């Protein structure tokens, strides 16, 4: 299963993507804004893929996908819909390597993932959860039509909850 947009392809993560995931999850901005997943080697990266995205595909029919540039196949980041056991709504998630930020890729990928959720899966409501200090991500979620509506606990951190403007 894959999703395409003008410049991007979102596809399911596989074990062979472990080197990329190891790099992405250890980016300092990933640690600061999303959290340290404790992935320090290729075996842990493969486990992350199997116990996170691949498990979500099996359970929910969606999850975080590898974001590739269509023109050259470059792995850029991850993006997709996430269903967390402790929260009632599906949320949108994304992370890009530094070289691919501020070029509209996150917005394009998020729009494609949301469209897939609506059209293929019938998901009507998607929220955003973001660290209060992540101004770029908050701005992207607002451009997607979400607005601040309080906080939600993610582990020990109180994160901002953004909901559709129609709420």
C-alpha atoms as a PDB file:
ATOM      1  CA  UNK A   1       0.000   0.000   0.000  1.00  0.00           C
ATOM      2  CA  UNK A   2       1.279   3.449  -0.845  1.00  0.00           C
ATOM      3  CA  UNK A   3      -0.024   6.989  -1.158  1.00  0.00           C
ATOM      4  CA  UNK A   4       1.251   9.411  -3.787  1.00  0.00           C
ATOM      5  CA  UNK A   5       1.158  13.176  -4.078  1.00  0.00           C
ATOM      6  CA  UNK A   6       2.766  15.495  -6.610  1.00  0.00           C
ATOM      7  CA  UNK A   7       6.304  15.121  -5.227  1.00  0.00           C
ATOM      8  CA  UNK A   8       6.029  12.352  -2.641  1.00  0.00           C
ATOM      9  CA  UNK A   9       5.315   8.692  -2.093  1.00  0.00           C
ATOM     10  CA  UNK A  10       4.243   7.436   1.336  1.00  0.00           C
ATOM     11  CA  UNK A  11       4.746   3.701   1.715  1.00  0.00           C
ATOM     12  CA  UNK A  12       4.677   1.171   4.507  1.00  0.00           C
ATOM     13  CA  UNK A  13       7.859   0.898   6.519  1.00  0.00           C
ATOM     14  CA  UNK A  14       9.708  -2.427   6.267  1.00  0.00           C
ATOM     15  CA  UNK A  15      12.650  -3.909   8.165  1.00  0.00           C
ATOM     16  CA  UNK A  16      15.028  -2.755   5.412  1.00  0.00           C
ATOM     17  CA  UNK A  17      14.216   0.848   6.386  1.00  0.00           C
ATOM     18  CA  UNK A  18      15.955   0.367   9.751  1.00  0.00           C
ATOM     19  CA  UNK A  19      19.089   2.398   8.833  1.00  0.00           C
ATOM     20  CA  UNK A  20      16.928   5.378   7.892  1.00  0.00           C
ATOM     21  CA  UNK A  21      14.765   5.045  11.021  1.00  0.00           C
ATOM     22  CA  UNK A  22      17.891   4.856  13.185  1.00  0.00           C
ATOM     23  CA  UNK A  23      19.074   8.169  11.712  1.00  0.00           C
ATOM     24  CA  UNK A  24      15.684   9.915  11.931  1.00  0.00           C
ATOM     25  CA  UNK A  25      14.877   8.849  15.494  1.00  0.00           C
ATOM     26  CA  UNK A  26      18.274  10.067  16.690  1.00  0.00           C
ATOM     27  CA  UNK A  27      18.027  13.504  15.101  1.00  0.00           C
ATOM     28  CA  UNK A  28      18.334  16.095  17.927  1.00  0.00           C
ATOM     29  CA  UNK A  29      15.100  17.815  16.840  1.00  0.00           C
ATOM     30  CA  UNK A  30      13.250  14.475  16.953  1.00  0.00           C
ATOM     31  CA  UNK A  31      14.454  13.999  20.537  1.00  0.00           C
ATOM     32  CA  UNK A  32      13.533  17.579  21.500  1.00  0.00           C
ATOM     33  CA  UNK A  33      10.062  17.744  19.939  1.00  0.00           C
ATOM     34  CA  UNK A  34       8.859  14.139  19.772  1.00  0.00           C
ATOM     35  CA  UNK A  35      10.975  12.237  22.270  1.00  0.00           C
ATOM     36  CA  UNK A  36      13.795   9.778  22.655  1.00  0.00           C
ATOM     37  CA  UNK A  37      12.538   6.366  21.543  1.00  0.00           C
ATOM     38  CA  UNK A  38      15.672   4.625  22.841  1.00  0.00           C
ATOM     39  CA  UNK A  39      16.573   3.367  19.366  1.00  0.00           C
ATOM     40  CA  UNK A  40      20.376   3.131  19.337  1.00  0.00           C
ATOM     41  CA  UNK A  41      21.170   0.355  16.852  1.00  0.00           C
ATOM     42  CA  UNK A  42      19.751  -1.370  13.785  1.00  0.00           C
ATOM     43  CA  UNK A  43      18.135  -4.162  15.803  1.00  0.00           C
ATOM     44  CA  UNK A  44      16.247  -1.595  17.888  1.00  0.00           C
ATOM     45  CA  UNK A  45      15.246   0.275  14.713  1.00  0.00           C
ATOM     46  CA  UNK A  46      13.838  -2.950  13.233  1.00  0.00           C
ATOM     47  CA  UNK A  47      11.938  -3.582  16.491  1.00  0.00           C
ATOM     48  CA  UNK A  48      10.571  -0.024  16.389  1.00  0.00           C
ATOM     49  CA  UNK A  49       9.281  -0.611  12.847  1.00  0.00           C
ATOM     50  CA  UNK A  50       7.692  -3.969  13.754  1.00  0.00           C
ATOM     51  CA  UNK A  51       6.176  -2.928  17.096  1.00  0.00           C
ATOM     52  CA  UNK A  52       5.067   0.536  15.947  1.00  0.00           C
ATOM     53  CA  UNK A  53       4.124   1.195  12.335  1.00  0.00           C
ATOM     54  CA  UNK A  54       3.773  -2.429  11.156  1.00  0.00           C
ATOM     55  CA  UNK A  55       1.633  -3.364  14.162  1.00  0.00           C
ATOM     56  CA  UNK A  56      -0.534  -0.303  13.479  1.00  0.00           C
ATOM     57  CA  UNK A  57      -1.010  -1.307   9.821  1.00  0.00           C
ATOM     58  CA  UNK A  58      -2.242  -4.726  10.965  1.00  0.00           C
ATOM     59  CA  UNK A  59      -4.511  -3.397  13.731  1.00  0.00           C
ATOM     60  CA  UNK A  60      -5.910  -0.240  12.162  1.00  0.00           C
ATOM     61  CA  UNK A  61      -5.144  -0.284   8.439  1.00  0.00           C
ATOM     62  CA  UNK A  62      -2.933   2.801   8.781  1.00  0.00           C
ATOM     63  CA  UNK A  63       0.123   4.103  10.591  1.00  0.00           C
ATOM     64  CA  UNK A  64       3.293   6.080  10.018  1.00  0.00           C
ATOM     65  CA  UNK A  65       4.674   5.683   6.504  1.00  0.00           C
ATOM     66  CA  UNK A  66       8.095   6.278   5.010  1.00  0.00           C
ATOM     67  CA  UNK A  67       8.093   9.542   3.061  1.00  0.00           C
ATOM     68  CA  UNK A  68      10.074   9.259  -0.184  1.00  0.00           C
ATOM     69  CA  UNK A  69      10.722  11.859  -2.864  1.00  0.00           C
ATOM     70  CA  UNK A  70       9.239  10.504  -6.085  1.00  0.00           C
ATOM     71  CA  UNK A  71      11.899  12.023  -8.332  1.00  0.00           C
ATOM     72  CA  UNK A  72      14.803  10.061  -6.832  1.00  0.00           C
ATOM     73  CA  UNK A  73      13.442   7.771  -4.090  1.00  0.00           C
ATOM     74  CA  UNK A  74      15.238   9.685  -1.326  1.00  0.00           C
ATOM     75  CA  UNK A  75      13.962   8.756   2.141  1.00  0.00           C
ATOM     76  CA  UNK A  76      12.997  12.060   3.758  1.00  0.00           C
ATOM     77  CA  UNK A  77      10.942  11.321   6.847  1.00  0.00           C
ATOM     78  CA  UNK A  78       7.820   9.645   8.155  1.00  0.00           C
ATOM     79  CA  UNK A  79       4.200  10.746   8.060  1.00  0.00           C
ATOM     80  CA  UNK A  80       0.823   9.189   8.685  1.00  0.00           C
ATOM     81  CA  UNK A  81      -2.090   8.669  10.994  1.00  0.00           C
ATOM     82  CA  UNK A  82      -1.624   7.272  14.493  1.00  0.00           C
ATOM     83  CA  UNK A  83      -4.163   5.629  16.818  1.00  0.00           C
ATOM     84  CA  UNK A  84      -2.942   5.716  20.401  1.00  0.00           C
ATOM     85  CA  UNK A  85      -4.531   3.331  22.895  1.00  0.00           C
ATOM     86  CA  UNK A  86      -4.945   6.035  25.544  1.00  0.00           C
ATOM     87  CA  UNK A  87      -6.582   8.657  23.300  1.00  0.00           C
ATOM     88  CA  UNK A  88     -10.018   8.604  21.635  1.00  0.00           C
ATOM     89  CA  UNK A  89      -9.029  10.259  18.345  1.00  0.00           C
ATOM     90  CA  UNK A  90      -6.659   9.451  15.517  1.00  0.00           C
ATOM     91  CA  UNK A  91      -3.842  11.995  15.194  1.00  0.00           C
ATOM     92  CA  UNK A  92      -1.519  13.057  12.400  1.00  0.00           C
ATOM     93  CA  UNK A  93       2.208  12.540  12.860  1.00  0.00           C
ATOM     94  CA  UNK A  94       5.250  13.527  10.836  1.00  0.00           C
ATOM     95  CA  UNK A  95       9.006  13.997  11.144  1.00  0.00           C
ATOM     96  CA  UNK A  96      11.595  14.909   8.519  1.00  0.00           C
ATOM     97  CA  UNK A  97      15.352  14.898   8.362  1.00  0.00           C
ATOM     98  CA  UNK A  98      16.787  18.443   8.541  1.00  0.00           C
ATOM     99  CA  UNK A  99      17.764  18.539   4.838  1.00  0.00           C
ATOM    100  CA  UNK A 100      14.104  18.207   3.813  1.00  0.00           C
ATOM    101  CA  UNK A 101      12.463  20.711   6.177  1.00  0.00           C
ATOM    102  CA  UNK A 102      10.981  24.071   5.149  1.00  0.00           C
ATOM    103  CA  UNK A 103      10.288  22.947   1.574  1.00  0.00           C
ATOM    104  CA  UNK A 104       6.587  22.120   1.908  1.00  0.00           C
ATOM    105  CA  UNK A 105       7.147  18.360   2.108  1.00  0.00           C
ATOM    106  CA  UNK A 106       5.572  17.918   5.567  1.00  0.00           C
ATOM    107  CA  UNK A 107       2.440  19.792   4.486  1.00  0.00           C
ATOM    108  CA  UNK A 108       2.170  17.819   1.245  1.00  0.00           C
ATOM    109  CA  UNK A 109       2.633  14.505   3.062  1.00  0.00           C
ATOM    110  CA  UNK A 110       0.166  15.404   5.825  1.00  0.00           C
ATOM    111  CA  UNK A 111      -2.486  16.418   3.290  1.00  0.00           C
ATOM    112  CA  UNK A 112      -1.981  13.130   1.416  1.00  0.00           C
ATOM    113  CA  UNK A 113      -2.224  11.075   4.629  1.00  0.00           C
ATOM    114  CA  UNK A 114      -5.382  12.919   5.716  1.00  0.00           C
ATOM    115  CA  UNK A 115      -6.958  12.430   2.283  1.00  0.00           C
ATOM    116  CA  UNK A 116      -6.175   8.694   2.426  1.00  0.00           C
ATOM    117  CA  UNK A 117      -7.686   8.489   5.903  1.00  0.00           C
ATOM    118  CA  UNK A 118     -10.899  10.127   4.717  1.00  0.00           C
ATOM    119  CA  UNK A 119     -11.257   8.405   1.350  1.00  0.00           C
ATOM    120  CA  UNK A 120      -9.926   4.893   1.969  1.00  0.00           C
ATOM    121  CA  UNK A 121     -10.667   4.466   5.659  1.00  0.00           C
ATOM    122  CA  UNK A 122     -13.625   6.775   6.298  1.00  0.00           C
ATOM    123  CA  UNK A 123     -11.876   8.564   9.173  1.00  0.00           C
ATOM    124  CA  UNK A 124     -13.814  11.751   9.827  1.00  0.00           C
ATOM    125  CA  UNK A 125     -11.875  13.386  12.684  1.00  0.00           C
ATOM    126  CA  UNK A 126      -8.105  13.716  13.008  1.00  0.00           C
ATOM    127  CA  UNK A 127      -6.388  15.801  15.681  1.00  0.00           C
ATOM    128  CA  UNK A 128      -2.863  17.065  16.199  1.00  0.00           C
ATOM    129  CA  UNK A 129      -0.704  16.545  19.282  1.00  0.00           C
ATOM    130  CA  UNK A 130       2.415  18.668  19.547  1.00  0.00           C
ATOM    131  CA  UNK A 131       5.053  19.798  22.002  1.00  0.00           C
ATOM    132  CA  UNK A 132       4.263  23.385  23.062  1.00  0.00           C
ATOM    133  CA  UNK A 133       7.699  24.558  21.918  1.00  0.00           C
ATOM    134  CA  UNK A 134       7.419  23.152  18.403  1.00  0.00           C
ATOM    135  CA  UNK A 135       6.232  26.346  16.686  1.00  0.00           C
ATOM    136  CA  UNK A 136       6.836  25.047  13.140  1.00  0.00           C
ATOM    137  CA  UNK A 137       4.678  21.986  13.745  1.00  0.00           C
ATOM    138  CA  UNK A 138       1.941  24.047  15.396  1.00  0.00           C
ATOM    139  CA  UNK A 139       1.902  26.359  12.357  1.00  0.00           C
ATOM    140  CA  UNK A 140       1.636  23.367   9.997  1.00  0.00           C
ATOM    141  CA  UNK A 141      -1.276  21.900  11.976  1.00  0.00           C
ATOM    142  CA  UNK A 142      -3.021  25.274  11.888  1.00  0.00           C
ATOM    143  CA  UNK A 143      -2.560  25.427   8.091  1.00  0.00           C
ATOM    144  CA  UNK A 144      -4.219  21.995   7.980  1.00  0.00           C
ATOM    145  CA  UNK A 145      -7.282  23.570   9.640  1.00  0.00           C
ATOM    146  CA  UNK A 146      -6.690  22.569  13.267  1.00  0.00           C
ATOM    147  CA  UNK A 147      -6.775  24.919  16.245  1.00  0.00           C
ATOM    148  CA  UNK A 148      -5.597  24.735  19.853  1.00  0.00           C
ATOM    149  CA  UNK A 149      -8.087  23.166  22.234  1.00  0.00           C
ATOM    150  CA  UNK A 150      -6.188  22.399  25.428  1.00  0.00           C
ATOM    151  CA  UNK A 151      -3.572  19.875  26.435  1.00  0.00           C
ATOM    152  CA  UNK A 152      -3.154  16.118  26.561  1.00  0.00           C
ATOM    153  CA  UNK A 153      -0.610  14.125  28.550  1.00  0.00           C
ATOM    154  CA  UNK A 154       1.908  12.215  26.467  1.00  0.00           C
ATOM    155  CA  UNK A 155       3.923  10.314  29.038  1.00  0.00           C
ATOM    156  CA  UNK A 156       5.091  12.974  31.463  1.00  0.00           C
ATOM    157  CA  UNK A 157       4.746  15.891  29.023  1.00  0.00           C
ATOM    158  CA  UNK A 158       1.655  18.046  28.621  1.00  0.00           C
ATOM    159  CA  UNK A 159       1.337  18.523  24.857  1.00  0.00           C
ATOM    160  CA  UNK A 160      -0.967  20.861  22.981  1.00  0.00           C
ATOM    161  CA  UNK A 161      -4.076  19.304  21.459  1.00  0.00           C
ATOM    162  CA  UNK A 162      -5.243  20.794  18.183  1.00  0.00           C
ATOM    163  CA  UNK A 163      -8.671  19.843  16.860  1.00  0.00           C
ATOM    164  CA  UNK A 164     -10.546  20.498  13.608  1.00  0.00           C
ATOM    165  CA  UNK A 165     -11.915  24.026  13.292  1.00  0.00           C
ATOM    166  CA  UNK A 166     -15.431  22.564  13.030  1.00  0.00           C
ATOM    167  CA  UNK A 167     -15.297  21.375  16.683  1.00  0.00           C
END
